Amino acid sequence: MRHTYWSLFVCSITHTFIHVFTMMHAALIPVFIKEFGLSIFEAGMLVSIPQALSVSISLPYGVIIDRIDPRKLIALSLLMAGFGGLAVSRAGNFLTLLLPLSFIPLSSTIYHPPALTMVSELFPEEKRSRILGIHAAGGTTGVAIGPITLGLILENFGWRFSYLVWCVPVLL
């Protein structure tokens, strides 16, 4: 049973890491407008294109997911999020910002189906709702701590460093 709780803990932490970058770029829109000289339209594209890409991949992904080891898909999603965050920190213009920002919600799309399957299979059905709630709390924690740490780091080290700080645990 300890192995089962350890697996739930690991899945919840990975869920936190998948979502740590989720809201950071939205909080940085004013900074991006100023630093990259973006129009309001371009700033809106930084938010909408990554989400549209994520939605467009969801349906075909749902068809192939059962054919691939869920652990490999979770690892792929963490690599996408980590390297996406690393690339965002190095962006020099609109396109080099948009492309890696697109990998961040895509990593979330790749993460959720296998992770939910794994978490659901860890415990008996009568505990499933509670266990899925714990896993969901991990994701919500990531959504919250990304912008919080951004705010703490931004003043002294800049927005790029905020992405670099989180790349380390995400990739590990």
N, C-alpha and C. Protein backbone atom coordinates (compact mmCIF):
# COMPACT_ATOMS: atom_id res chain seq x y z
N MET A 1 0.82 -1.20 0.00
CA MET A 1 0.00 0.00 0.00
C MET A 1 0.87 1.26 0.00
N ARG A 2 2.05 1.21 0.68
CA ARG A 2 2.94 2.37 0.68
C ARG A 2 3.37 2.74 -0.73
N HIS A 3 3.62 1.73 -1.56
CA HIS A 3 4.00 1.96 -2.95
C HIS A 3 2.89 2.71 -3.69
N THR A 4 1.65 2.38 -3.37
CA THR A 4 0.50 3.02 -4.01
C THR A 4 0.45 4.50 -3.63
N TYR A 5 0.64 4.82 -2.36
CA TYR A 5 0.62 6.22 -1.94
C TYR A 5 1.83 6.98 -2.49
N TRP A 6 2.97 6.32 -2.58
CA TRP A 6 4.13 6.94 -3.18
C TRP A 6 3.85 7.27 -4.65
N SER A 7 3.24 6.36 -5.37
CA SER A 7 2.88 6.59 -6.77
C SER A 7 1.92 7.77 -6.91
N LEU A 8 0.95 7.86 -6.00
CA LEU A 8 0.02 8.98 -6.01
C LEU A 8 0.77 10.30 -5.76
N PHE A 9 1.69 10.28 -4.81
CA PHE A 9 2.49 11.47 -4.52
C PHE A 9 3.29 11.89 -5.76
N VAL A 10 3.95 10.95 -6.40
CA VAL A 10 4.75 11.26 -7.60
C VAL A 10 3.85 11.81 -8.71
N CYS A 11 2.70 11.21 -8.92
CA CYS A 11 1.77 11.70 -9.94
C CYS A 11 1.28 13.11 -9.61
N SER A 12 1.02 13.38 -8.35
CA SER A 12 0.55 14.71 -7.95
C SER A 12 1.64 15.76 -8.12
N ILE A 13 2.87 15.41 -7.81
CA ILE A 13 3.98 16.34 -7.99
C ILE A 13 4.22 16.60 -9.48
N THR A 14 4.18 15.56 -10.29
CA THR A 14 4.35 15.78 -11.74
C THR A 14 3.21 16.64 -12.27
N HIS A 15 2.02 16.47 -11.73
CA HIS A 15 0.89 17.31 -12.14
C HIS A 15 1.16 18.77 -11.76
N THR A 16 1.76 19.00 -10.60
CA THR A 16 2.15 20.35 -10.21
C THR A 16 3.13 20.92 -11.23
N PHE A 17 4.14 20.14 -11.59
CA PHE A 17 5.17 20.62 -12.52
C PHE A 17 4.60 20.89 -13.92
N ILE A 18 3.66 20.06 -14.35
CA ILE A 18 3.05 20.27 -15.67
C ILE A 18 2.34 21.62 -15.72
N HIS A 19 1.75 22.02 -14.60
CA HIS A 19 0.95 23.25 -14.60
C HIS A 19 1.67 24.49 -14.09
N VAL A 20 2.92 24.37 -13.68
CA VAL A 20 3.60 25.53 -13.11
C VAL A 20 3.75 26.66 -14.13
N PHE A 21 3.90 26.34 -15.41
CA PHE A 21 4.06 27.36 -16.44
C PHE A 21 2.73 27.82 -17.02
N THR A 22 1.62 27.18 -16.65
CA THR A 22 0.33 27.42 -17.29
C THR A 22 -0.08 28.89 -17.32
N MET A 23 0.02 29.59 -16.22
CA MET A 23 -0.47 30.96 -16.16
C MET A 23 0.65 32.01 -16.17
N MET A 24 1.88 31.57 -16.18
CA MET A 24 2.97 32.55 -16.12
C MET A 24 2.96 33.49 -17.32
N HIS A 25 2.78 32.95 -18.52
CA HIS A 25 2.85 33.83 -19.69
C HIS A 25 1.67 34.80 -19.75
N ALA A 26 0.52 34.38 -19.24
CA ALA A 26 -0.62 35.31 -19.21
C ALA A 26 -0.33 36.47 -18.27
N ALA A 27 0.32 36.18 -17.15
CA ALA A 27 0.68 37.24 -16.21
C ALA A 27 1.75 38.17 -16.80
N LEU A 28 2.49 37.68 -17.77
CA LEU A 28 3.58 38.46 -18.37
C LEU A 28 3.19 39.24 -19.62
N ILE A 29 1.94 39.18 -20.02
CA ILE A 29 1.53 39.85 -21.26
C ILE A 29 1.97 41.32 -21.28
N PRO A 30 1.75 42.11 -20.23
CA PRO A 30 2.22 43.51 -20.28
C PRO A 30 3.74 43.61 -20.46
N VAL A 31 4.48 42.72 -19.84
CA VAL A 31 5.94 42.70 -19.98
C VAL A 31 6.32 42.35 -21.41
N PHE A 32 5.65 41.35 -21.99
CA PHE A 32 5.94 40.94 -23.37
C PHE A 32 5.61 42.06 -24.36
N ILE A 33 4.51 42.75 -24.13
CA ILE A 33 4.14 43.87 -25.02
C ILE A 33 5.25 44.91 -25.02
N LYS A 34 5.74 45.22 -23.85
CA LYS A 34 6.79 46.24 -23.73
C LYS A 34 8.13 45.74 -24.29
N GLU A 35 8.56 44.56 -23.86
CA GLU A 35 9.88 44.06 -24.23
C GLU A 35 10.01 43.71 -25.70
N PHE A 36 8.95 43.10 -26.27
CA PHE A 36 9.02 42.66 -27.66
C PHE A 36 8.31 43.61 -28.62
N GLY A 37 7.73 44.69 -28.10
CA GLY A 37 7.02 45.65 -28.94
C GLY A 37 5.81 45.03 -29.62
N LEU A 38 5.05 44.23 -28.89
CA LEU A 38 3.91 43.51 -29.45
C LEU A 38 2.67 44.41 -29.53
N SER A 39 1.85 44.11 -30.52
CA SER A 39 0.53 44.73 -30.59
C SER A 39 -0.41 43.94 -29.67
N ILE A 40 -1.57 44.48 -29.42
CA ILE A 40 -2.57 43.76 -28.62
C ILE A 40 -2.95 42.45 -29.32
N PHE A 41 -3.06 42.50 -30.64
CA PHE A 41 -3.38 41.30 -31.42
C PHE A 41 -2.33 40.22 -31.21
N GLU A 42 -1.05 40.59 -31.31
CA GLU A 42 0.03 39.61 -31.11
C GLU A 42 0.02 39.07 -29.68
N ALA A 43 -0.23 39.93 -28.72
CA ALA A 43 -0.31 39.48 -27.33
C ALA A 43 -1.44 38.47 -27.15
N GLY A 44 -2.57 38.75 -27.78
CA GLY A 44 -3.68 37.80 -27.73
C GLY A 44 -3.34 36.48 -28.39
N MET A 45 -2.54 36.53 -29.43
CA MET A 45 -2.12 35.29 -30.11
C MET A 45 -1.23 34.44 -29.20
N LEU A 46 -0.46 35.09 -28.34
CA LEU A 46 0.38 34.34 -27.40
C LEU A 46 -0.46 33.50 -26.44
N VAL A 47 -1.68 33.93 -26.21
CA VAL A 47 -2.58 33.19 -25.32
C VAL A 47 -3.42 32.20 -26.12
N SER A 48 -3.95 32.61 -27.26
CA SER A 48 -4.92 31.78 -27.98
C SER A 48 -4.29 30.68 -28.85
N ILE A 49 -3.19 30.94 -29.52
CA ILE A 49 -2.61 29.92 -30.40
C ILE A 49 -2.16 28.68 -29.62
N PRO A 50 -1.44 28.83 -28.50
CA PRO A 50 -1.08 27.61 -27.75
C PRO A 50 -2.32 26.80 -27.31
N GLN A 51 -3.37 27.49 -26.90
CA GLN A 51 -4.58 26.77 -26.49
C GLN A 51 -5.26 26.09 -27.67
N ALA A 52 -5.32 26.78 -28.81
CA ALA A 52 -5.94 26.20 -30.01
C ALA A 52 -5.17 24.97 -30.47
N LEU A 53 -3.85 25.02 -30.41
CA LEU A 53 -3.03 23.87 -30.76
C LEU A 53 -3.31 22.70 -29.82
N SER A 54 -3.41 22.99 -28.56
CA SER A 54 -3.69 21.97 -27.56
C SER A 54 -5.03 21.29 -27.82
N VAL A 55 -6.04 22.08 -28.11
CA VAL A 55 -7.37 21.52 -28.40
C VAL A 55 -7.33 20.68 -29.67
N SER A 56 -6.64 21.16 -30.70
CA SER A 56 -6.62 20.44 -31.97
C SER A 56 -5.91 19.09 -31.89
N ILE A 57 -5.01 18.94 -30.94
CA ILE A 57 -4.29 17.68 -30.79
C ILE A 57 -5.05 16.70 -29.89
N SER A 58 -5.99 17.19 -29.11
CA SER A 58 -6.68 16.35 -28.12
C SER A 58 -7.42 15.17 -28.74
N LEU A 59 -8.18 15.40 -29.79
CA LEU A 59 -8.96 14.30 -30.38
C LEU A 59 -8.09 13.23 -31.01
N PRO A 60 -7.16 13.56 -31.89
CA PRO A 60 -6.33 12.47 -32.44
C PRO A 60 -5.49 11.78 -31.37
N TYR A 61 -5.05 12.53 -30.38
CA TYR A 61 -4.26 11.97 -29.30
C TYR A 61 -5.06 10.94 -28.52
N GLY A 62 -6.34 11.22 -28.32
CA GLY A 62 -7.21 10.29 -27.60
C GLY A 62 -7.31 8.94 -28.28
N VAL A 63 -7.15 8.92 -29.58
CA VAL A 63 -7.23 7.67 -30.35
C VAL A 63 -5.97 6.82 -30.17
N ILE A 64 -4.82 7.45 -30.07
CA ILE A 64 -3.56 6.69 -30.02
C ILE A 64 -3.03 6.43 -28.62
N ILE A 65 -3.57 7.10 -27.63
CA ILE A 65 -2.98 7.04 -26.29
C ILE A 65 -2.91 5.64 -25.69
N ASP A 66 -3.90 4.82 -25.94
CA ASP A 66 -3.91 3.49 -25.33
C ASP A 66 -2.86 2.55 -25.91
N ARG A 67 -2.19 2.98 -26.94
CA ARG A 67 -1.17 2.14 -27.59
C ARG A 67 0.25 2.44 -27.10
N ILE A 68 0.38 3.43 -26.22
CA ILE A 68 1.70 3.87 -25.77
C ILE A 68 1.76 3.77 -24.25
N ASP A 69 2.90 3.37 -23.75
CA ASP A 69 3.12 3.25 -22.30
C ASP A 69 2.85 4.61 -21.63
N PRO A 70 1.93 4.66 -20.65
CA PRO A 70 1.60 5.94 -20.03
C PRO A 70 2.79 6.63 -19.36
N ARG A 71 3.74 5.87 -18.83
CA ARG A 71 4.91 6.47 -18.20
C ARG A 71 5.75 7.23 -19.22
N LYS A 72 5.83 6.69 -20.44
CA LYS A 72 6.58 7.37 -21.49
C LYS A 72 5.89 8.67 -21.89
N LEU A 73 4.57 8.65 -21.92
CA LEU A 73 3.82 9.87 -22.28
C LEU A 73 3.96 10.93 -21.19
N ILE A 74 3.95 10.51 -19.95
CA ILE A 74 4.14 11.46 -18.84
C ILE A 74 5.54 12.05 -18.91
N ALA A 75 6.54 11.21 -19.17
CA ALA A 75 7.92 11.71 -19.31
C ALA A 75 8.02 12.68 -20.48
N LEU A 76 7.38 12.34 -21.60
CA LEU A 76 7.38 13.23 -22.76
C LEU A 76 6.75 14.58 -22.40
N SER A 77 5.65 14.55 -21.68
CA SER A 77 4.98 15.80 -21.33
C SER A 77 5.86 16.67 -20.42
N LEU A 78 6.55 16.05 -19.48
CA LEU A 78 7.45 16.82 -18.61
C LEU A 78 8.63 17.39 -19.40
N LEU A 79 9.16 16.61 -20.33
CA LEU A 79 10.24 17.12 -21.17
C LEU A 79 9.77 18.29 -22.02
N MET A 80 8.56 18.18 -22.57
CA MET A 80 8.02 19.27 -23.37
C MET A 80 7.84 20.53 -22.53
N ALA A 81 7.31 20.38 -21.33
CA ALA A 81 7.10 21.53 -20.46
C ALA A 81 8.45 22.14 -20.06
N GLY A 82 9.39 21.31 -19.66
CA GLY A 82 10.69 21.80 -19.21
C GLY A 82 11.47 22.49 -20.32
N PHE A 83 11.56 21.84 -21.48
CA PHE A 83 12.28 22.45 -22.59
C PHE A 83 11.52 23.63 -23.17
N GLY A 84 10.18 23.59 -23.10
CA GLY A 84 9.38 24.74 -23.50
C GLY A 84 9.69 25.94 -22.62
N GLY A 85 9.73 25.72 -21.31
CA GLY A 85 10.08 26.81 -20.39
C GLY A 85 11.48 27.33 -20.61
N LEU A 86 12.42 26.42 -20.87
CA LEU A 86 13.79 26.82 -21.16
C LEU A 86 13.85 27.68 -22.42
N ALA A 87 13.15 27.26 -23.47
CA ALA A 87 13.14 28.02 -24.72
C ALA A 87 12.44 29.37 -24.56
N VAL A 88 11.37 29.42 -23.77
CA VAL A 88 10.70 30.71 -23.52
C VAL A 88 11.69 31.67 -22.87
N SER A 89 12.50 31.18 -21.96
CA SER A 89 13.46 32.05 -21.27
C SER A 89 14.50 32.62 -22.22
N ARG A 90 14.68 32.01 -23.37
CA ARG A 90 15.69 32.44 -24.34
C ARG A 90 15.08 33.21 -25.51
N ALA A 91 13.76 33.42 -25.51
CA ALA A 91 13.07 34.04 -26.64
C ALA A 91 13.61 35.44 -26.93
N GLY A 92 13.73 35.73 -28.24
CA GLY A 92 14.23 37.03 -28.65
C GLY A 92 13.23 37.85 -29.45
N ASN A 93 12.15 37.21 -29.89
CA ASN A 93 11.13 37.92 -30.66
C ASN A 93 9.80 37.18 -30.54
N PHE A 94 8.79 37.71 -31.21
CA PHE A 94 7.44 37.14 -31.12
C PHE A 94 7.41 35.65 -31.47
N LEU A 95 8.00 35.27 -32.59
CA LEU A 95 7.94 33.87 -33.02
C LEU A 95 8.71 32.93 -32.10
N THR A 96 9.88 33.39 -31.63
CA THR A 96 10.65 32.51 -30.73
C THR A 96 10.04 32.47 -29.34
N LEU A 97 9.08 33.33 -29.07
CA LEU A 97 8.29 33.27 -27.84
C LEU A 97 7.06 32.40 -28.05
N LEU A 98 6.38 32.58 -29.17
CA LEU A 98 5.15 31.85 -29.45
C LEU A 98 5.37 30.34 -29.57
N LEU A 99 6.41 29.93 -30.27
CA LEU A 99 6.63 28.49 -30.48
C LEU A 99 6.80 27.72 -29.17
N PRO A 100 7.72 28.11 -28.29
CA PRO A 100 7.82 27.34 -27.04
C PRO A 100 6.61 27.50 -26.12
N LEU A 101 5.96 28.67 -26.18
CA LEU A 101 4.74 28.83 -25.39
C LEU A 101 3.67 27.84 -25.85
N SER A 102 3.73 27.44 -27.09
CA SER A 102 2.76 26.47 -27.62
C SER A 102 2.99 25.07 -27.07
N PHE A 103 4.21 24.77 -26.68
CA PHE A 103 4.51 23.44 -26.15
C PHE A 103 4.03 23.28 -24.70
N ILE A 104 3.84 24.38 -24.01
CA ILE A 104 3.46 24.30 -22.60
C ILE A 104 2.04 23.74 -22.43
N PRO A 105 1.00 24.29 -23.06
CA PRO A 105 -0.32 23.65 -22.92
C PRO A 105 -0.39 22.31 -23.65
N LEU A 106 0.41 22.14 -24.69
CA LEU A 106 0.45 20.85 -25.38
C LEU A 106 0.99 19.77 -24.44
N SER A 107 1.95 20.13 -23.61
CA SER A 107 2.48 19.15 -22.64
C SER A 107 1.39 18.74 -21.66
N SER A 108 0.54 19.67 -21.30
CA SER A 108 -0.58 19.36 -20.41
C SER A 108 -1.57 18.42 -21.06
N THR A 109 -1.84 18.65 -22.33
CA THR A 109 -2.75 17.77 -23.09
C THR A 109 -2.20 16.36 -23.15
N ILE A 110 -0.91 16.23 -23.32
CA ILE A 110 -0.28 14.91 -23.40
C ILE A 110 -0.24 14.25 -22.02
N TYR A 111 -0.12 15.04 -20.98
CA TYR A 111 0.01 14.51 -19.62
C TYR A 111 -1.29 13.90 -19.09
N HIS A 112 -2.40 14.60 -19.24
CA HIS A 112 -3.61 14.26 -18.49
C HIS A 112 -4.19 12.86 -18.74
N PRO A 113 -4.43 12.42 -19.97
CA PRO A 113 -5.05 11.08 -20.11
C PRO A 113 -4.24 9.94 -19.48
N PRO A 114 -2.92 9.83 -19.73
CA PRO A 114 -2.22 8.72 -19.09
C PRO A 114 -2.12 8.87 -17.58
N ALA A 115 -1.95 10.09 -17.10
CA ALA A 115 -1.83 10.30 -15.65
C ALA A 115 -3.14 9.96 -14.95
N LEU A 116 -4.25 10.39 -15.52
CA LEU A 116 -5.55 10.07 -14.90
C LEU A 116 -5.81 8.57 -14.92
N THR A 117 -5.39 7.91 -15.98
CA THR A 117 -5.53 6.45 -16.04
C THR A 117 -4.70 5.80 -14.94
N MET A 118 -3.45 6.22 -14.81
CA MET A 118 -2.58 5.62 -13.80
C MET A 118 -3.11 5.86 -12.39
N VAL A 119 -3.51 7.10 -12.11
CA VAL A 119 -4.01 7.43 -10.78
C VAL A 119 -5.29 6.66 -10.49
N SER A 120 -6.15 6.55 -11.47
CA SER A 120 -7.42 5.82 -11.28
C SER A 120 -7.19 4.35 -10.97
N GLU A 121 -6.14 3.79 -11.52
CA GLU A 121 -5.87 2.37 -11.32
C GLU A 121 -5.11 2.07 -10.03
N LEU A 122 -4.65 3.10 -9.33
CA LEU A 122 -3.87 2.89 -8.11
C LEU A 122 -4.70 2.38 -6.94
N PHE A 123 -5.95 2.83 -6.86
CA PHE A 123 -6.77 2.56 -5.69
C PHE A 123 -8.09 1.93 -6.11
N PRO A 124 -8.77 1.28 -5.17
CA PRO A 124 -10.07 0.71 -5.48
C PRO A 124 -11.10 1.80 -5.80
N GLU A 125 -12.16 1.41 -6.45
CA GLU A 125 -13.17 2.34 -6.94
C GLU A 125 -13.76 3.23 -5.84
N GLU A 126 -13.93 2.70 -4.64
CA GLU A 126 -14.55 3.49 -3.57
C GLU A 126 -13.65 4.65 -3.09
N LYS A 127 -12.37 4.61 -3.42
CA LYS A 127 -11.45 5.71 -3.06
C LYS A 127 -11.11 6.59 -4.25
N ARG A 128 -11.59 6.25 -5.43
CA ARG A 128 -11.16 6.91 -6.66
C ARG A 128 -11.42 8.42 -6.68
N SER A 129 -12.58 8.86 -6.25
CA SER A 129 -12.89 10.30 -6.28
C SER A 129 -11.93 11.09 -5.39
N ARG A 130 -11.67 10.57 -4.21
CA ARG A 130 -10.74 11.25 -3.29
C ARG A 130 -9.34 11.30 -3.89
N ILE A 131 -8.92 10.21 -4.48
CA ILE A 131 -7.58 10.12 -5.05
C ILE A 131 -7.45 11.06 -6.25
N LEU A 132 -8.46 11.10 -7.11
CA LEU A 132 -8.44 12.02 -8.25
C LEU A 132 -8.47 13.47 -7.78
N GLY A 133 -9.13 13.73 -6.67
CA GLY A 133 -9.13 15.07 -6.09
C GLY A 133 -7.75 15.48 -5.61
N ILE A 134 -7.03 14.55 -5.01
CA ILE A 134 -5.65 14.83 -4.56
C ILE A 134 -4.77 15.13 -5.77
N HIS A 135 -4.93 14.32 -6.80
CA HIS A 135 -4.16 14.54 -8.03
C HIS A 135 -4.50 15.89 -8.64
N ALA A 136 -5.77 16.23 -8.69
CA ALA A 136 -6.20 17.52 -9.24
C ALA A 136 -5.62 18.68 -8.44
N ALA A 137 -5.53 18.52 -7.13
CA ALA A 137 -4.96 19.56 -6.28
C ALA A 137 -3.50 19.82 -6.64
N GLY A 138 -2.80 18.79 -7.07
CA GLY A 138 -1.42 18.98 -7.53
C GLY A 138 -1.36 19.92 -8.72
N GLY A 139 -2.25 19.75 -9.68
CA GLY A 139 -2.28 20.62 -10.85
C GLY A 139 -2.64 22.05 -10.48
N THR A 140 -3.64 22.21 -9.63
CA THR A 140 -4.05 23.54 -9.20
C THR A 140 -2.93 24.23 -8.43
N THR A 141 -2.19 23.47 -7.66
CA THR A 141 -1.04 24.02 -6.95
C THR A 141 -0.02 24.58 -7.94
N GLY A 142 0.23 23.85 -9.01
CA GLY A 142 1.16 24.33 -10.03
C GLY A 142 0.68 25.60 -10.69
N VAL A 143 -0.63 25.66 -11.01
CA VAL A 143 -1.20 26.85 -11.63
C VAL A 143 -1.02 28.06 -10.70
N ALA A 144 -1.12 27.84 -9.39
CA ALA A 144 -0.99 28.93 -8.43
C ALA A 144 0.46 29.34 -8.18
N ILE A 145 1.36 28.37 -8.00
CA ILE A 145 2.72 28.73 -7.61
C ILE A 145 3.55 29.29 -8.76
N GLY A 146 3.19 29.00 -10.00
CA GLY A 146 3.91 29.59 -11.13
C GLY A 146 3.88 31.11 -11.07
N PRO A 147 2.70 31.73 -11.10
CA PRO A 147 2.65 33.20 -11.02
C PRO A 147 3.15 33.77 -9.69
N ILE A 148 2.97 33.04 -8.60
CA ILE A 148 3.47 33.53 -7.31
C ILE A 148 4.99 33.62 -7.35
N THR A 149 5.65 32.56 -7.82
CA THR A 149 7.11 32.60 -7.89
C THR A 149 7.57 33.62 -8.94
N LEU A 150 6.80 33.76 -10.00
CA LEU A 150 7.11 34.79 -11.00
C LEU A 150 7.15 36.16 -10.32
N GLY A 151 6.14 36.45 -9.52
CA GLY A 151 6.09 37.73 -8.82
C GLY A 151 7.25 37.92 -7.86
N LEU A 152 7.65 36.86 -7.18
CA LEU A 152 8.77 36.94 -6.23
C LEU A 152 10.11 37.13 -6.94
N ILE A 153 10.27 36.50 -8.08
CA ILE A 153 11.55 36.51 -8.79
C ILE A 153 11.66 37.71 -9.74
N LEU A 154 10.56 38.12 -10.33
CA LEU A 154 10.54 39.14 -11.38
C LEU A 154 11.25 40.43 -10.97
N GLU A 155 10.96 40.90 -9.80
CA GLU A 155 11.49 42.18 -9.33
C GLU A 155 13.02 42.21 -9.32
N ASN A 156 13.63 41.13 -8.86
CA ASN A 156 15.09 41.11 -8.68
C ASN A 156 15.86 40.45 -9.82
N PHE A 157 15.24 39.49 -10.49
CA PHE A 157 16.00 38.69 -11.45
C PHE A 157 15.41 38.70 -12.87
N GLY A 158 14.21 39.21 -13.05
CA GLY A 158 13.59 39.26 -14.37
C GLY A 158 12.74 38.04 -14.66
N TRP A 159 11.87 38.17 -15.64
CA TRP A 159 10.91 37.11 -15.98
C TRP A 159 11.59 35.87 -16.53
N ARG A 160 12.69 36.04 -17.25
CA ARG A 160 13.36 34.88 -17.86
C ARG A 160 13.88 33.91 -16.79
N PHE A 161 14.38 34.46 -15.71
CA PHE A 161 14.90 33.63 -14.63
C PHE A 161 13.79 32.81 -13.98
N SER A 162 12.57 33.35 -13.95
CA SER A 162 11.43 32.62 -13.39
C SER A 162 11.20 31.31 -14.14
N TYR A 163 11.33 31.37 -15.46
CA TYR A 163 11.18 30.14 -16.25
C TYR A 163 12.35 29.19 -16.00
N LEU A 164 13.55 29.73 -15.91
CA LEU A 164 14.72 28.89 -15.69
C LEU A 164 14.65 28.17 -14.34
N VAL A 165 14.19 28.86 -13.31
CA VAL A 165 14.09 28.26 -11.99
C VAL A 165 13.22 27.01 -12.02
N TRP A 166 12.09 27.09 -12.73
CA TRP A 166 11.17 25.95 -12.76
C TRP A 166 11.57 24.87 -13.75
N CYS A 167 12.43 25.18 -14.70
CA CYS A 167 12.89 24.14 -15.63
C CYS A 167 13.63 23.02 -14.92
N VAL A 168 14.38 23.38 -13.89
CA VAL A 168 15.19 22.38 -13.19
C VAL A 168 14.33 21.26 -12.58
N PRO A 169 13.36 21.57 -11.70
CA PRO A 169 12.58 20.45 -11.15
C PRO A 169 11.68 19.78 -12.19
N VAL A 170 11.20 20.51 -13.16
CA VAL A 170 10.34 19.91 -14.19
C VAL A 170 11.14 18.88 -14.99
N LEU A 171 12.34 19.22 -15.37
CA LEU A 171 13.15 18.28 -16.16
C LEU A 171 13.72 17.13 -15.33
N LEU A 172 13.95 17.39 -14.04
CA LEU A 172 14.45 16.30 -13.18
C LEU A 172 13.34 15.30 -12.91
